[in-house]
N, C-alpha and C. Protein backbone atom coordinates (compact mmCIF):
# COMPACT_ATOMS: atom_id res chain seq x y z
N MET A 1 0.85 -1.17 0.00
CA MET A 1 0.00 0.00 0.00
C MET A 1 0.90 1.24 0.00
N LEU A 2 0.55 2.18 -0.81
CA LEU A 2 1.30 3.44 -0.88
C LEU A 2 0.52 4.52 -0.15
N TYR A 3 1.20 5.19 0.79
CA TYR A 3 0.60 6.28 1.55
C TYR A 3 1.31 7.58 1.20
N PHE A 4 0.55 8.61 0.93
CA PHE A 4 1.11 9.95 0.73
C PHE A 4 0.99 10.67 2.06
N ILE A 5 2.14 11.03 2.63
CA ILE A 5 2.15 11.62 3.96
C ILE A 5 2.71 13.03 3.89
N PRO A 6 1.86 14.03 4.14
CA PRO A 6 2.35 15.41 4.15
C PRO A 6 3.19 15.65 5.40
N THR A 7 4.16 16.49 5.27
CA THR A 7 5.03 16.79 6.41
C THR A 7 4.76 18.20 6.92
N PRO A 8 5.07 18.43 8.17
CA PRO A 8 4.79 19.75 8.75
C PRO A 8 5.67 20.84 8.15
N ILE A 9 5.09 22.02 8.06
CA ILE A 9 5.84 23.18 7.58
C ILE A 9 6.15 24.06 8.79
N GLY A 10 7.37 24.00 9.25
CA GLY A 10 7.80 24.90 10.32
C GLY A 10 7.58 24.42 11.74
N ASN A 11 6.58 23.58 11.99
CA ASN A 11 6.30 23.15 13.35
C ASN A 11 6.05 21.64 13.36
N LEU A 12 6.96 20.90 13.97
CA LEU A 12 6.83 19.44 14.00
C LEU A 12 5.52 18.98 14.62
N SER A 13 4.98 19.76 15.53
CA SER A 13 3.74 19.39 16.22
C SER A 13 2.54 19.36 15.28
N ASP A 14 2.69 19.88 14.08
CA ASP A 14 1.59 19.88 13.12
C ASP A 14 1.41 18.53 12.42
N ILE A 15 2.33 17.60 12.62
CA ILE A 15 2.17 16.28 12.00
C ILE A 15 1.04 15.54 12.71
N SER A 16 0.29 14.76 11.95
CA SER A 16 -0.84 14.06 12.56
C SER A 16 -0.38 12.78 13.25
N PHE A 17 -1.18 12.36 14.21
CA PHE A 17 -0.93 11.10 14.90
C PHE A 17 -0.96 9.95 13.90
N ARG A 18 -1.90 10.01 12.96
CA ARG A 18 -2.01 8.96 11.94
C ARG A 18 -0.75 8.88 11.09
N ALA A 19 -0.18 10.02 10.73
CA ALA A 19 1.06 10.03 9.95
C ALA A 19 2.18 9.33 10.72
N LEU A 20 2.29 9.63 12.01
CA LEU A 20 3.31 8.98 12.84
C LEU A 20 3.09 7.47 12.89
N GLU A 21 1.85 7.06 13.08
CA GLU A 21 1.54 5.63 13.15
C GLU A 21 1.83 4.93 11.82
N LEU A 22 1.50 5.57 10.71
CA LEU A 22 1.79 4.98 9.40
C LEU A 22 3.28 4.84 9.16
N LEU A 23 4.04 5.87 9.52
CA LEU A 23 5.49 5.82 9.32
C LEU A 23 6.13 4.67 10.09
N LYS A 24 5.57 4.33 11.23
CA LYS A 24 6.10 3.21 12.02
C LYS A 24 5.96 1.89 11.27
N THR A 25 5.01 1.80 10.34
CA THR A 25 4.76 0.54 9.63
C THR A 25 5.48 0.45 8.29
N CYS A 26 6.14 1.52 7.88
CA CYS A 26 6.77 1.56 6.55
C CYS A 26 8.23 1.15 6.60
N ASP A 27 8.63 0.34 5.63
CA ASP A 27 10.03 -0.03 5.48
C ASP A 27 10.72 0.83 4.43
N LEU A 28 9.93 1.37 3.52
CA LEU A 28 10.46 2.12 2.39
C LEU A 28 9.75 3.46 2.30
N VAL A 29 10.54 4.50 2.04
CA VAL A 29 9.99 5.84 1.86
C VAL A 29 10.54 6.44 0.58
N PHE A 30 9.64 6.88 -0.28
CA PHE A 30 10.01 7.72 -1.42
C PHE A 30 9.93 9.16 -0.92
N CYS A 31 10.87 9.98 -1.34
CA CYS A 31 10.89 11.36 -0.87
C CYS A 31 11.62 12.24 -1.88
N GLU A 32 11.40 13.53 -1.75
CA GLU A 32 12.05 14.47 -2.66
C GLU A 32 13.55 14.54 -2.39
N ASP A 33 13.92 14.58 -1.13
CA ASP A 33 15.33 14.67 -0.73
C ASP A 33 15.55 13.74 0.45
N THR A 34 16.37 12.72 0.28
CA THR A 34 16.57 11.73 1.34
C THR A 34 17.17 12.36 2.60
N ARG A 35 18.02 13.35 2.44
CA ARG A 35 18.63 13.99 3.62
C ARG A 35 17.57 14.68 4.47
N VAL A 36 16.66 15.38 3.81
CA VAL A 36 15.59 16.09 4.52
C VAL A 36 14.69 15.08 5.23
N SER A 37 14.32 14.02 4.55
CA SER A 37 13.41 13.03 5.14
C SER A 37 14.06 12.27 6.29
N LYS A 38 15.32 11.90 6.16
CA LYS A 38 16.02 11.23 7.25
C LYS A 38 16.11 12.14 8.47
N SER A 39 16.38 13.39 8.24
CA SER A 39 16.44 14.36 9.34
C SER A 39 15.07 14.51 10.00
N LEU A 40 14.03 14.58 9.19
CA LEU A 40 12.67 14.69 9.73
C LEU A 40 12.33 13.49 10.60
N ILE A 41 12.63 12.29 10.14
CA ILE A 41 12.34 11.08 10.91
C ILE A 41 13.08 11.12 12.24
N SER A 42 14.33 11.53 12.21
CA SER A 42 15.11 11.63 13.44
C SER A 42 14.49 12.64 14.41
N LEU A 43 14.09 13.79 13.89
CA LEU A 43 13.45 14.80 14.74
C LEU A 43 12.12 14.31 15.31
N LEU A 44 11.34 13.61 14.50
CA LEU A 44 10.06 13.07 14.97
C LEU A 44 10.28 12.04 16.07
N ASN A 45 11.26 11.17 15.88
CA ASN A 45 11.56 10.17 16.91
C ASN A 45 11.95 10.82 18.23
N THR A 46 12.73 11.88 18.15
CA THR A 46 13.17 12.58 19.36
C THR A 46 12.01 13.32 20.02
N LYS A 47 11.29 14.11 19.25
CA LYS A 47 10.23 14.95 19.81
C LYS A 47 9.07 14.14 20.38
N PHE A 48 8.67 13.08 19.68
CA PHE A 48 7.49 12.33 20.08
C PHE A 48 7.83 10.99 20.76
N HIS A 49 9.11 10.76 21.02
CA HIS A 49 9.57 9.53 21.68
C HIS A 49 8.96 8.31 20.99
N THR A 50 9.04 8.34 19.68
CA THR A 50 8.46 7.26 18.88
C THR A 50 9.58 6.39 18.31
N ASP A 51 9.21 5.35 17.61
CA ASP A 51 10.18 4.37 17.13
C ASP A 51 9.96 4.12 15.64
N ILE A 52 10.27 5.13 14.83
CA ILE A 52 10.14 5.00 13.38
C ILE A 52 11.50 4.57 12.83
N HIS A 53 11.52 3.42 12.18
CA HIS A 53 12.76 2.91 11.58
C HIS A 53 12.50 2.59 10.12
N ILE A 54 12.92 3.47 9.25
CA ILE A 54 12.77 3.27 7.81
C ILE A 54 14.05 2.61 7.31
N SER A 55 13.93 1.47 6.65
CA SER A 55 15.14 0.78 6.20
C SER A 55 15.70 1.33 4.89
N LYS A 56 14.84 1.96 4.07
CA LYS A 56 15.34 2.46 2.78
C LYS A 56 14.60 3.73 2.38
N PHE A 57 15.37 4.72 1.95
CA PHE A 57 14.84 5.96 1.41
C PHE A 57 15.24 6.04 -0.06
N ILE A 58 14.29 6.39 -0.92
CA ILE A 58 14.57 6.54 -2.35
C ILE A 58 14.14 7.92 -2.78
N ALA A 59 15.08 8.66 -3.35
CA ALA A 59 14.76 10.00 -3.86
C ALA A 59 13.88 9.87 -5.10
N LEU A 60 12.77 10.58 -5.09
CA LEU A 60 11.84 10.58 -6.23
C LEU A 60 11.36 12.01 -6.41
N HIS A 61 11.77 12.60 -7.52
CA HIS A 61 11.42 13.99 -7.80
C HIS A 61 11.34 14.19 -9.31
N SER A 62 11.02 15.39 -9.73
CA SER A 62 10.78 15.65 -11.16
C SER A 62 11.99 15.37 -12.05
N HIS A 63 13.19 15.38 -11.48
CA HIS A 63 14.39 15.16 -12.30
C HIS A 63 14.72 13.68 -12.51
N ASN A 64 14.16 12.79 -11.69
CA ASN A 64 14.50 11.38 -11.84
C ASN A 64 13.28 10.46 -11.88
N GLU A 65 12.08 11.02 -11.93
CA GLU A 65 10.88 10.20 -11.78
C GLU A 65 10.75 9.09 -12.83
N LYS A 66 11.10 9.36 -14.08
CA LYS A 66 10.96 8.34 -15.12
C LYS A 66 11.88 7.15 -14.85
N GLU A 67 13.12 7.44 -14.49
CA GLU A 67 14.09 6.37 -14.24
C GLU A 67 13.70 5.56 -13.00
N VAL A 68 13.34 6.25 -11.94
CA VAL A 68 12.98 5.55 -10.69
C VAL A 68 11.73 4.71 -10.89
N LEU A 69 10.71 5.29 -11.48
CA LEU A 69 9.46 4.55 -11.66
C LEU A 69 9.64 3.35 -12.59
N ALA A 70 10.50 3.47 -13.59
CA ALA A 70 10.75 2.36 -14.50
C ALA A 70 11.50 1.21 -13.81
N SER A 71 12.25 1.53 -12.77
CA SER A 71 13.07 0.51 -12.11
C SER A 71 12.39 -0.14 -10.90
N ILE A 72 11.21 0.29 -10.55
CA ILE A 72 10.54 -0.21 -9.35
C ILE A 72 9.91 -1.58 -9.60
N ASP A 73 10.17 -2.49 -8.69
CA ASP A 73 9.49 -3.78 -8.69
C ASP A 73 8.15 -3.57 -7.97
N LEU A 74 7.06 -3.79 -8.64
CA LEU A 74 5.74 -3.51 -8.08
C LEU A 74 5.42 -4.32 -6.83
N LYS A 75 6.19 -5.35 -6.56
CA LYS A 75 5.98 -6.15 -5.35
C LYS A 75 6.24 -5.34 -4.08
N ILE A 76 6.99 -4.25 -4.20
CA ILE A 76 7.24 -3.44 -3.00
C ILE A 76 5.95 -2.87 -2.43
N PHE A 77 4.94 -2.72 -3.27
CA PHE A 77 3.67 -2.16 -2.80
C PHE A 77 2.81 -3.18 -2.06
N GLU A 78 3.31 -4.41 -1.93
CA GLU A 78 2.64 -5.39 -1.09
C GLU A 78 2.87 -5.07 0.38
N LYS A 79 3.87 -4.26 0.65
CA LYS A 79 4.17 -3.78 2.01
C LYS A 79 3.75 -2.32 2.09
N ASN A 80 3.86 -1.75 3.27
CA ASN A 80 3.54 -0.33 3.43
C ASN A 80 4.71 0.52 2.96
N VAL A 81 4.40 1.42 2.06
CA VAL A 81 5.38 2.33 1.47
C VAL A 81 4.82 3.74 1.60
N ALA A 82 5.69 4.70 1.89
CA ALA A 82 5.23 6.09 2.03
C ALA A 82 5.93 6.98 1.03
N TYR A 83 5.22 8.02 0.63
CA TYR A 83 5.84 9.12 -0.11
C TYR A 83 5.75 10.34 0.81
N LEU A 84 6.91 10.90 1.15
CA LEU A 84 6.97 12.08 2.01
C LEU A 84 7.31 13.30 1.17
N SER A 85 6.54 14.33 1.34
CA SER A 85 6.90 15.61 0.71
C SER A 85 7.95 16.28 1.59
N ASP A 86 8.70 17.21 1.04
CA ASP A 86 9.69 17.93 1.84
C ASP A 86 9.03 18.91 2.80
N ALA A 87 7.98 19.55 2.36
CA ALA A 87 7.30 20.53 3.21
C ALA A 87 5.86 20.67 2.75
N GLY A 88 4.97 20.15 3.54
CA GLY A 88 3.55 20.31 3.23
C GLY A 88 2.94 19.17 2.48
């Protein structure tokens, strides 16, 4: 299952409880910038004392979308997968 999860703009407390719970179940995250998303996950774990462990981050943005989408094995969607925006 693919989940689109918006991220907070400016205030970590704006993230929803459901978003936190979904992220706990995901092994793979597509994101615009892996550095930003990894940092966000770290901040969320610290602020909310949660246990989000993403095993793989894949950058997916307008400059590489064709290549990334062509290389994806559709079986990954049998598990929980998230797409995180950088802001909003």
